Amino acid sequence: MRLLVRGLLLAGVASPAFAGDIDSSWLRGSSSFPADPPPFQRWNGFYGGGQVGADFNGIDFRNVVGNSITTIQGLDANFSGIPLSNFPHLTNMDSKGISYGGFVGYNYQIDDIVLGFELNFNRATLTGSIADVESHGYYVSANSSLYKTTFNVITSASAAAAEYGTIRVRGGWAYGNFLPYMFAGVSLGQVNTTGSVNVNYQGTIVPLSGTGPPTIGGSWTEANINHGKWLAGFDVGLGIDYAVTRNIFVRGEAEYLQLADQNDIRTSVVSVRAGAGLKF
């Protein structure tokens, strides 16, 4: 009898402990392990920020005076056979400066792929000017006489842009806190340009060559000035954003931008910049 009582007491003490130790959560389809967070930052939504950069500007002046010289050459018969269009030696000009501005945009994210659009605006210091004087001597037949004549072509041009902007589409790949991306779009810039060409000549009669006037000559000028006109073009580039926190990010990017010709002057910008932004 004593052994039976001891066995009943042990069974009564042990049964609640065994029941409490059994985890029945698997019967309800639940798990005790939380889901792993995604291995990349969420970039979707609106964002905006500011930036500063170094601009390397290119200004192509090579074609600036061609049309003006062609017009002038048709105004005097003494230009016949004179290769005036070969006189000017205007070239490309490079300059550099600082730009600063801001950006706003929107991202749409599918897993680790990020697509979006962005508006970008910058104040710039693109400026350049060039001038050239060329003189060549020819013998000209006029007034039934022969003249020893010097032809001069004086050319000058300038370009300046105070601001430019872009409308971009971009695509990137989210990797951890990084977002490397590519972009392309339409560029807009307010460019001031001037172009001027003066053609003049002076000839002296060759002795005993005829009975015409002792000298011949003339001077003509063509000028084109455009101020405050907005020009369209294109831009392409690469960049990378880095999420410092959930809502704050920094970025670096490189951009090539080109604008349409004005007065036969073409402008382009290579910009390297850094910025910071806020994601809403």
C-alpha atoms as a PDB file:
ATOM      1  CA  MET A   1       0.000   0.000   0.000  1.00  0.00           C
ATOM      2  CA  ARG A   2       2.833   2.406   0.842  1.00  0.00           C
ATOM      3  CA  LEU A   3       4.328   1.983  -2.636  1.00  0.00           C
ATOM      4  CA  LEU A   4       0.972   2.644  -4.316  1.00  0.00           C
ATOM      5  CA  VAL A   5       0.496   5.952  -2.469  1.00  0.00           C
ATOM      6  CA  ARG A   6       3.997   7.121  -3.408  1.00  0.00           C
ATOM      7  CA  GLY A   7       3.354   6.337  -7.086  1.00  0.00           C
ATOM      8  CA  LEU A   8       0.094   8.332  -7.147  1.00  0.00           C
ATOM      9  CA  LEU A   9       1.784  11.393  -5.570  1.00  0.00           C
ATOM     10  CA  LEU A  10       4.618  11.360  -8.113  1.00  0.00           C
ATOM     11  CA  ALA A  11       2.151  11.107 -11.028  1.00  0.00           C
ATOM     12  CA  GLY A  12       0.154  14.085  -9.748  1.00  0.00           C
ATOM     13  CA  VAL A  13       3.243  16.303  -9.445  1.00  0.00           C
ATOM     14  CA  ALA A  14       4.804  15.406 -12.799  1.00  0.00           C
ATOM     15  CA  SER A  15       1.712  15.680 -15.026  1.00  0.00           C
ATOM     16  CA  PRO A  16       1.342  19.557 -14.942  1.00  0.00           C
ATOM     17  CA  ALA A  17       5.031  19.993 -15.710  1.00  0.00           C
ATOM     18  CA  PHE A  18       4.885  17.764 -18.781  1.00  0.00           C
ATOM     19  CA  ALA A  19       1.772  19.512 -20.128  1.00  0.00           C
ATOM     20  CA  GLY A  20       3.306  22.987 -19.727  1.00  0.00           C
ATOM     21  CA  ASP A  21       6.434  22.026 -21.609  1.00  0.00           C
ATOM     22  CA  ILE A  22       4.637  21.076 -24.840  1.00  0.00           C
ATOM     23  CA  ASP A  23       4.585  23.902 -27.487  1.00  0.00           C
ATOM     24  CA  SER A  24       1.366  23.490 -29.461  1.00  0.00           C
ATOM     25  CA  SER A  25       1.897  26.607 -31.663  1.00  0.00           C
ATOM     26  CA  TRP A  26       2.742  24.375 -34.624  1.00  0.00           C
ATOM     27  CA  LEU A  27      -0.808  23.069 -34.461  1.00  0.00           C
ATOM     28  CA  ARG A  28      -2.086  26.576 -35.338  1.00  0.00           C
ATOM     29  CA  GLY A  29       0.403  27.095 -38.264  1.00  0.00           C
ATOM     30  CA  SER A  30       2.467  29.788 -36.480  1.00  0.00           C
ATOM     31  CA  SER A  31       6.254  30.126 -36.222  1.00  0.00           C
ATOM     32  CA  SER A  32       8.445  31.340 -33.423  1.00  0.00           C
ATOM     33  CA  PHE A  33      11.083  32.746 -35.913  1.00  0.00           C
ATOM     34  CA  PRO A  34      10.549  36.340 -37.319  1.00  0.00           C
ATOM     35  CA  ALA A  35      10.837  36.869 -41.096  1.00  0.00           C
ATOM     36  CA  ASP A  36      14.230  38.080 -42.382  1.00  0.00           C
ATOM     37  CA  PRO A  37      14.274  41.767 -43.425  1.00  0.00           C
ATOM     38  CA  PRO A  38      14.933  42.425 -47.142  1.00  0.00           C
ATOM     39  CA  PRO A  39      18.683  42.736 -47.972  1.00  0.00           C
ATOM     40  CA  PHE A  40      18.267  46.224 -49.469  1.00  0.00           C
ATOM     41  CA  GLN A  41      16.991  49.703 -48.623  1.00  0.00           C
ATOM     42  CA  ARG A  42      13.507  50.839 -49.643  1.00  0.00           C
ATOM     43  CA  TRP A  43      13.822  53.794 -52.041  1.00  0.00           C
ATOM     44  CA  ASN A  44      10.227  54.198 -53.255  1.00  0.00           C
ATOM     45  CA  GLY A  45       8.477  57.547 -52.878  1.00  0.00           C
ATOM     46  CA  PHE A  46       9.182  61.246 -53.341  1.00  0.00           C
ATOM     47  CA  TYR A  47      12.568  62.813 -52.543  1.00  0.00           C
ATOM     48  CA  GLY A  48      14.487  66.081 -52.926  1.00  0.00           C
ATOM     49  CA  GLY A  49      17.807  67.674 -52.087  1.00  0.00           C
ATOM     50  CA  GLY A  50      20.681  69.983 -52.987  1.00  0.00           C
ATOM     51  CA  GLN A  51      24.010  69.562 -54.787  1.00  0.00           C
ATOM     52  CA  VAL A  52      27.274  71.251 -55.775  1.00  0.00           C
ATOM     53  CA  GLY A  53      29.625  70.304 -58.579  1.00  0.00           C
ATOM     54  CA  ALA A  54      32.578  71.070 -60.809  1.00  0.00           C
ATOM     55  CA  ASP A  55      31.639  71.818 -64.450  1.00  0.00           C
ATOM     56  CA  PHE A  56      34.001  71.273 -67.368  1.00  0.00           C
ATOM     57  CA  ASN A  57      32.569  73.261 -70.274  1.00  0.00           C
ATOM     58  CA  GLY A  58      33.164  72.894 -73.998  1.00  0.00           C
ATOM     59  CA  ILE A  59      32.255  75.611 -76.530  1.00  0.00           C
ATOM     60  CA  ASP A  60      32.574  74.853 -80.248  1.00  0.00           C
ATOM     61  CA  PHE A  61      33.157  78.068 -82.257  1.00  0.00           C
ATOM     62  CA  ARG A  62      34.402  76.421 -85.477  1.00  0.00           C
ATOM     63  CA  ASN A  63      31.258  77.056 -87.546  1.00  0.00           C
ATOM     64  CA  VAL A  64      30.275  80.418 -86.136  1.00  0.00           C
ATOM     65  CA  VAL A  65      31.180  82.665 -89.128  1.00  0.00           C
ATOM     66  CA  GLY A  66      30.589  80.440 -92.146  1.00  0.00           C
ATOM     67  CA  ASN A  67      27.150  81.747 -93.127  1.00  0.00           C
ATOM     68  CA  SER A  68      28.129  85.392 -92.558  1.00  0.00           C
ATOM     69  CA  ILE A  69      31.171  85.131 -94.823  1.00  0.00           C
ATOM     70  CA  THR A  70      29.083  83.470 -97.529  1.00  0.00           C
ATOM     71  CA  THR A  71      26.612  86.371 -97.367  1.00  0.00           C
ATOM     72  CA  ILE A  72      29.355  89.016 -97.547  1.00  0.00           C
ATOM     73  CA  GLN A  73      31.168  87.270-100.388  1.00  0.00           C
ATOM     74  CA  GLY A  74      28.156  87.774-102.636  1.00  0.00           C
ATOM     75  CA  LEU A  75      28.172  91.565-102.160  1.00  0.00           C
ATOM     76  CA  ASP A  76      31.261  92.490-104.213  1.00  0.00           C
ATOM     77  CA  ALA A  77      32.546  91.083-107.496  1.00  0.00           C
ATOM     78  CA  ASN A  78      36.129  91.572-106.303  1.00  0.00           C
ATOM     79  CA  PHE A  79      35.603  88.678-103.849  1.00  0.00           C
ATOM     80  CA  SER A  80      35.269  86.276-106.782  1.00  0.00           C
ATOM     81  CA  GLY A  81      37.873  83.545-106.497  1.00  0.00           C
ATOM     82  CA  ILE A  82      39.066  84.682-103.045  1.00  0.00           C
ATOM     83  CA  PRO A  83      38.719  81.794-100.484  1.00  0.00           C
ATOM     84  CA  LEU A  84      37.439  83.983 -97.644  1.00  0.00           C
ATOM     85  CA  SER A  85      35.757  81.047 -95.870  1.00  0.00           C
ATOM     86  CA  ASN A  86      39.206  79.525 -95.296  1.00  0.00           C
ATOM     87  CA  PHE A  87      40.531  82.584 -93.466  1.00  0.00           C
ATOM     88  CA  PRO A  88      39.057  82.239 -89.940  1.00  0.00           C
ATOM     89  CA  HIS A  89      40.670  79.819 -87.505  1.00  0.00           C
ATOM     90  CA  LEU A  90      38.137  79.673 -84.677  1.00  0.00           C
ATOM     91  CA  THR A  91      38.405  76.552 -82.518  1.00  0.00           C
ATOM     92  CA  ASN A  92      36.915  74.769 -79.533  1.00  0.00           C
ATOM     93  CA  MET A  93      37.349  76.415 -76.160  1.00  0.00           C
ATOM     94  CA  ASP A  94      37.363  74.685 -72.764  1.00  0.00           C
ATOM     95  CA  SER A  95      36.583  76.281 -69.429  1.00  0.00           C
ATOM     96  CA  LYS A  96      35.663  75.142 -65.926  1.00  0.00           C
ATOM     97  CA  GLY A  97      33.644  76.475 -63.037  1.00  0.00           C
ATOM     98  CA  ILE A  98      31.447  75.695 -60.052  1.00  0.00           C
ATOM     99  CA  SER A  99      27.746  74.871 -60.273  1.00  0.00           C
ATOM    100  CA  TYR A 100      25.134  74.435 -57.553  1.00  0.00           C
ATOM    101  CA  GLY A 101      21.441  73.636 -57.453  1.00  0.00           C
ATOM    102  CA  GLY A 102      18.784  71.162 -56.398  1.00  0.00           C
ATOM    103  CA  PHE A 103      16.741  68.154 -57.449  1.00  0.00           C
ATOM    104  CA  VAL A 104      13.328  66.573 -56.835  1.00  0.00           C
ATOM    105  CA  GLY A 105      12.078  63.199 -57.992  1.00  0.00           C
ATOM    106  CA  TYR A 106      10.020  60.076 -57.447  1.00  0.00           C
ATOM    107  CA  ASN A 107      11.106  56.423 -57.224  1.00  0.00           C
ATOM    108  CA  TYR A 108       9.069  53.283 -57.888  1.00  0.00           C
ATOM    109  CA  GLN A 109      10.621  50.105 -56.513  1.00  0.00           C
ATOM    110  CA  ILE A 110      10.031  46.471 -57.565  1.00  0.00           C
ATOM    111  CA  ASP A 111      12.075  44.246 -55.227  1.00  0.00           C
ATOM    112  CA  ASP A 112      15.659  45.504 -55.767  1.00  0.00           C
ATOM    113  CA  ILE A 113      14.932  47.341 -59.059  1.00  0.00           C
ATOM    114  CA  VAL A 114      14.320  51.095 -58.746  1.00  0.00           C
ATOM    115  CA  LEU A 115      12.792  53.180 -61.558  1.00  0.00           C
ATOM    116  CA  GLY A 116      11.920  56.852 -61.446  1.00  0.00           C
ATOM    117  CA  PHE A 117      12.073  60.374 -62.830  1.00  0.00           C
ATOM    118  CA  GLU A 118      13.881  63.477 -61.630  1.00  0.00           C
ATOM    119  CA  LEU A 119      13.965  67.238 -62.226  1.00  0.00           C
ATOM    120  CA  ASN A 120      17.412  68.806 -61.841  1.00  0.00           C
ATOM    121  CA  PHE A 121      18.311  72.526 -61.861  1.00  0.00           C
ATOM    122  CA  ASN A 122      21.735  74.205 -61.545  1.00  0.00           C
ATOM    123  CA  ARG A 123      23.265  77.661 -61.559  1.00  0.00           C
ATOM    124  CA  ALA A 124      26.396  77.622 -63.713  1.00  0.00           C
ATOM    125  CA  THR A 125      29.425  79.680 -64.804  1.00  0.00           C
ATOM    126  CA  LEU A 126      29.817  78.605 -68.433  1.00  0.00           C
ATOM    127  CA  THR A 127      31.506  81.399 -70.371  1.00  0.00           C
ATOM    128  CA  GLY A 128      33.981  81.810 -73.227  1.00  0.00           C
ATOM    129  CA  SER A 129      34.993  84.166 -76.030  1.00  0.00           C
ATOM    130  CA  ILE A 130      37.325  84.005 -79.009  1.00  0.00           C
ATOM    131  CA  ALA A 131      38.645  86.331 -81.742  1.00  0.00           C
ATOM    132  CA  ASP A 132      40.796  85.974 -84.843  1.00  0.00           C
ATOM    133  CA  VAL A 133      42.313  88.265 -87.497  1.00  0.00           C
ATOM    134  CA  GLU A 134      43.501  86.800 -90.819  1.00  0.00           C
ATOM    135  CA  SER A 135      45.057  88.717 -93.730  1.00  0.00           C
ATOM    136  CA  HIS A 136      46.135  87.417 -97.160  1.00  0.00           C
ATOM    137  CA  GLY A 137      47.290  89.176-100.324  1.00  0.00           C
ATOM    138  CA  TYR A 138      46.017  88.527-103.878  1.00  0.00           C
ATOM    139  CA  TYR A 139      46.189  90.216-107.269  1.00  0.00           C
ATOM    140  CA  VAL A 140      42.733  91.322-108.404  1.00  0.00           C
ATOM    141  CA  SER A 141      41.646  92.324-111.886  1.00  0.00           C
ATOM    142  CA  ALA A 142      39.194  95.237-111.799  1.00  0.00           C
ATOM    143  CA  ASN A 143      38.412  98.325-113.875  1.00  0.00           C
ATOM    144  CA  SER A 144      40.532  96.869-116.692  1.00  0.00           C
ATOM    145  CA  SER A 145      43.531  97.109-114.351  1.00  0.00           C
ATOM    146  CA  LEU A 146      45.481  94.875-111.979  1.00  0.00           C
ATOM    147  CA  TYR A 147      45.543  95.606-108.234  1.00  0.00           C
ATOM    148  CA  LYS A 148      47.758  94.256-105.514  1.00  0.00           C
ATOM    149  CA  THR A 149      45.118  93.689-102.787  1.00  0.00           C
ATOM    150  CA  THR A 150      45.092  92.678 -99.125  1.00  0.00           C
ATOM    151  CA  PHE A 151      41.955  90.928 -97.818  1.00  0.00           C
ATOM    152  CA  ASN A 152      41.245  90.919 -94.084  1.00  0.00           C
ATOM    153  CA  VAL A 153      38.726  88.792 -92.163  1.00  0.00           C
ATOM    154  CA  ILE A 154      38.128  89.748 -88.518  1.00  0.00           C
ATOM    155  CA  THR A 155      35.968  87.317 -86.520  1.00  0.00           C
ATOM    156  CA  SER A 156      34.795  87.143 -82.914  1.00  0.00           C
ATOM    157  CA  ALA A 157      32.295  85.077 -80.916  1.00  0.00           C
ATOM    158  CA  SER A 158      31.214  84.501 -77.332  1.00  0.00           C
ATOM    159  CA  ALA A 159      28.908  82.225 -75.344  1.00  0.00           C
ATOM    160  CA  ALA A 160      27.694  82.263 -71.746  1.00  0.00           C
ATOM    161  CA  ALA A 161      25.179  80.173 -69.782  1.00  0.00           C
ATOM    162  CA  ALA A 162      23.944  81.197 -66.349  1.00  0.00           C
ATOM    163  CA  GLU A 163      21.746  78.170 -65.625  1.00  0.00           C
ATOM    164  CA  TYR A 164      20.712  74.792 -66.945  1.00  0.00           C
ATOM    165  CA  GLY A 165      18.396  71.954 -65.983  1.00  0.00           C
ATOM    166  CA  THR A 166      17.382  68.443 -66.952  1.00  0.00           C
ATOM    167  CA  ILE A 167      14.285  66.235 -67.005  1.00  0.00           C
ATOM    168  CA  ARG A 168      15.529  62.681 -66.464  1.00  0.00           C
ATOM    169  CA  VAL A 169      14.362  59.118 -66.267  1.00  0.00           C
ATOM    170  CA  ARG A 170      16.574  56.800 -64.276  1.00  0.00           C
ATOM    171  CA  GLY A 171      16.967  53.150 -63.368  1.00  0.00           C
ATOM    172  CA  GLY A 172      18.939  51.633 -60.518  1.00  0.00           C
ATOM    173  CA  TRP A 173      19.624  48.531 -58.451  1.00  0.00           C
ATOM    174  CA  ALA A 174      19.228  48.591 -54.675  1.00  0.00           C
ATOM    175  CA  TYR A 175      22.041  46.745 -52.903  1.00  0.00           C
ATOM    176  CA  GLY A 176      22.184  47.113 -49.144  1.00  0.00           C
ATOM    177  CA  ASN A 177      22.201  50.857 -48.463  1.00  0.00           C
ATOM    178  CA  PHE A 178      23.529  51.631 -51.948  1.00  0.00           C
ATOM    179  CA  LEU A 179      21.604  52.585 -55.082  1.00  0.00           C
ATOM    180  CA  PRO A 180      23.815  52.756 -58.208  1.00  0.00           C
ATOM    181  CA  TYR A 181      21.846  54.184 -61.142  1.00  0.00           C
ATOM    182  CA  MET A 182      21.957  55.380 -64.748  1.00  0.00           C
ATOM    183  CA  PHE A 183      19.938  58.254 -66.202  1.00  0.00           C
ATOM    184  CA  ALA A 184      19.125  59.986 -69.481  1.00  0.00           C
ATOM    185  CA  GLY A 185      16.848  62.829 -70.432  1.00  0.00           C
ATOM    186  CA  VAL A 186      16.240  66.246 -71.938  1.00  0.00           C
ATOM    187  CA  SER A 187      18.445  69.223 -71.058  1.00  0.00           C
ATOM    188  CA  LEU A 188      17.457  72.904 -71.077  1.00  0.00           C
ATOM    189  CA  GLY A 189      19.808  75.860 -70.801  1.00  0.00           C
ATOM    190  CA  GLN A 190      19.636  79.635 -71.075  1.00  0.00           C
ATOM    191  CA  VAL A 191      22.536  80.618 -73.332  1.00  0.00           C
ATOM    192  CA  ASN A 192      23.691  84.049 -74.544  1.00  0.00           C
ATOM    193  CA  THR A 193      25.704  84.015 -77.780  1.00  0.00           C
ATOM    194  CA  THR A 194      27.269  86.590 -80.095  1.00  0.00           C
ATOM    195  CA  GLY A 195      28.979  86.176 -83.437  1.00  0.00           C
ATOM    196  CA  SER A 196      30.558  88.826 -85.646  1.00  0.00           C
ATOM    197  CA  VAL A 197      32.567  88.866 -88.891  1.00  0.00           C
ATOM    198  CA  ASN A 198      34.089  91.822 -90.720  1.00  0.00           C
ATOM    199  CA  VAL A 199      35.537  91.453 -94.222  1.00  0.00           C
ATOM    200  CA  ASN A 200      37.489  94.324 -95.727  1.00  0.00           C
ATOM    201  CA  TYR A 201      40.054  94.778 -98.479  1.00  0.00           C
ATOM    202  CA  GLN A 202      42.345  97.453 -99.850  1.00  0.00           C
ATOM    203  CA  GLY A 203      44.080  97.306-103.237  1.00  0.00           C
ATOM    204  CA  THR A 204      46.650  99.471-105.030  1.00  0.00           C
ATOM    205  CA  ILE A 205      46.931  99.547-108.821  1.00  0.00           C
ATOM    206  CA  VAL A 206      49.954  97.849-110.318  1.00  0.00           C
ATOM    207  CA  PRO A 207      51.938 100.456-112.356  1.00  0.00           C
ATOM    208  CA  LEU A 208      51.366 100.316-116.131  1.00  0.00           C
ATOM    209  CA  SER A 209      48.627  97.663-115.686  1.00  0.00           C
ATOM    210  CA  GLY A 210      45.753  99.917-116.758  1.00  0.00           C
ATOM    211  CA  THR A 211      44.066 103.271-116.339  1.00  0.00           C
ATOM    212  CA  GLY A 212      41.664 102.479-113.488  1.00  0.00           C
ATOM    213  CA  PRO A 213      41.424 104.284-110.135  1.00  0.00           C
ATOM    214  CA  PRO A 214      44.625 104.167-108.067  1.00  0.00           C
ATOM    215  CA  THR A 215      42.935 102.186-105.235  1.00  0.00           C
ATOM    216  CA  ILE A 216      39.997  99.909-104.618  1.00  0.00           C
ATOM    217  CA  GLY A 217      38.466  98.719-101.334  1.00  0.00           C
ATOM    218  CA  GLY A 218      35.454  98.145 -99.127  1.00  0.00           C
ATOM    219  CA  SER A 219      34.285  96.856 -95.722  1.00  0.00           C
ATOM    220  CA  TRP A 220      31.277  94.745 -94.650  1.00  0.00           C
ATOM    221  CA  THR A 221      30.151  93.458 -91.236  1.00  0.00           C
ATOM    222  CA  GLU A 222      27.653  90.752 -90.239  1.00  0.00           C
ATOM    223  CA  ALA A 223      26.700  90.287 -86.556  1.00  0.00           C
ATOM    224  CA  ASN A 224      24.295  87.997 -84.674  1.00  0.00           C
ATOM    225  CA  ILE A 225      23.319  88.454 -81.030  1.00  0.00           C
ATOM    226  CA  ASN A 226      20.976  86.233 -78.990  1.00  0.00           C
ATOM    227  CA  HIS A 227      20.329  86.837 -75.294  1.00  0.00           C
ATOM    228  CA  GLY A 228      18.102  84.974 -72.845  1.00  0.00           C
ATOM    229  CA  LYS A 229      17.041  82.201 -75.212  1.00  0.00           C
ATOM    230  CA  TRP A 230      16.390  78.736 -73.787  1.00  0.00           C
ATOM    231  CA  LEU A 231      17.911  75.868 -75.767  1.00  0.00           C
ATOM    232  CA  ALA A 232      17.040  72.170 -75.591  1.00  0.00           C
ATOM    233  CA  GLY A 233      19.417  69.220 -75.785  1.00  0.00           C
ATOM    234  CA  PHE A 234      20.097  65.907 -74.053  1.00  0.00           C
ATOM    235  CA  ASP A 235      21.934  64.526 -71.026  1.00  0.00           C
ATOM    236  CA  VAL A 236      23.222  61.117 -69.870  1.00  0.00           C
ATOM    237  CA  GLY A 237      25.092  60.008 -66.781  1.00  0.00           C
ATOM    238  CA  LEU A 238      25.830  57.656 -63.885  1.00  0.00           C
ATOM    239  CA  GLY A 239      25.445  58.068 -60.149  1.00  0.00           C
ATOM    240  CA  ILE A 240      25.144  56.358 -56.780  1.00  0.00           C
ATOM    241  CA  ASP A 241      22.959  57.145 -53.750  1.00  0.00           C
ATOM    242  CA  TYR A 242      23.763  55.937 -50.223  1.00  0.00           C
ATOM    243  CA  ALA A 243      21.138  55.788 -47.466  1.00  0.00           C
ATOM    244  CA  VAL A 244      22.619  57.243 -44.279  1.00  0.00           C
ATOM    245  CA  THR A 245      19.322  56.692 -42.451  1.00  0.00           C
ATOM    246  CA  ARG A 246      15.876  55.569 -43.546  1.00  0.00           C
ATOM    247  CA  ASN A 247      15.075  59.064 -44.856  1.00  0.00           C
ATOM    248  CA  ILE A 248      18.454  60.785 -45.436  1.00  0.00           C
ATOM    249  CA  PHE A 249      20.811  59.931 -48.292  1.00  0.00           C
ATOM    250  CA  VAL A 250      23.941  61.304 -49.979  1.00  0.00           C
ATOM    251  CA  ARG A 251      24.900  60.981 -53.624  1.00  0.00           C
ATOM    252  CA  GLY A 252      27.648  61.379 -56.181  1.00  0.00           C
ATOM    253  CA  GLU A 253      27.220  61.481 -59.951  1.00  0.00           C
ATOM    254  CA  ALA A 254      28.809  62.341 -63.293  1.00  0.00           C
ATOM    255  CA  GLU A 255      26.785  63.894 -66.133  1.00  0.00           C
ATOM    256  CA  TYR A 256      27.320  64.814 -69.781  1.00  0.00           C
ATOM    257  CA  LEU A 257      24.978  67.517 -71.109  1.00  0.00           C
ATOM    258  CA  GLN A 258      24.770  69.071 -74.574  1.00  0.00           C
ATOM    259  CA  LEU A 259      22.605  71.945 -75.842  1.00  0.00           C
ATOM    260  CA  ALA A 260      21.430  72.779 -79.355  1.00  0.00           C
ATOM    261  CA  ASP A 261      23.403  75.144 -81.590  1.00  0.00           C
ATOM    262  CA  GLN A 262      22.751  78.886 -81.474  1.00  0.00           C
ATOM    263  CA  ASN A 263      24.488  81.214 -83.959  1.00  0.00           C
ATOM    264  CA  ASP A 264      26.346  78.041 -85.027  1.00  0.00           C
ATOM    265  CA  ILE A 265      27.850  77.816 -81.523  1.00  0.00           C
ATOM    266  CA  ARG A 266      27.527  74.488 -79.676  1.00  0.00           C
ATOM    267  CA  THR A 267      27.855  74.199 -75.893  1.00  0.00           C
ATOM    268  CA  SER A 268      28.340  71.106 -73.720  1.00  0.00           C
ATOM    269  CA  VAL A 269      29.031  70.405 -70.038  1.00  0.00           C
ATOM    270  CA  VAL A 270      30.655  67.516 -68.181  1.00  0.00           C
ATOM    271  CA  SER A 271      29.717  67.842 -64.517  1.00  0.00           C
ATOM    272  CA  VAL A 272      30.957  65.918 -61.470  1.00  0.00           C
ATOM    273  CA  ARG A 273      28.898  66.658 -58.377  1.00  0.00           C
ATOM    274  CA  ALA A 274      27.994  65.606 -54.840  1.00  0.00           C
ATOM    275  CA  GLY A 275      24.705  66.113 -53.032  1.00  0.00           C
ATOM    276  CA  ALA A 276      22.457  65.208 -50.120  1.00  0.00           C
ATOM    277  CA  GLY A 277      18.746  64.609 -50.003  1.00  0.00           C
ATOM    278  CA  LEU A 278      15.669  63.691 -47.969  1.00  0.00           C
ATOM    279  CA  LYS A 279      13.319  60.834 -48.869  1.00  0.00           C
ATOM    280  CA  PHE A 280       9.712  61.407 -47.833  1.00  0.00           C
END
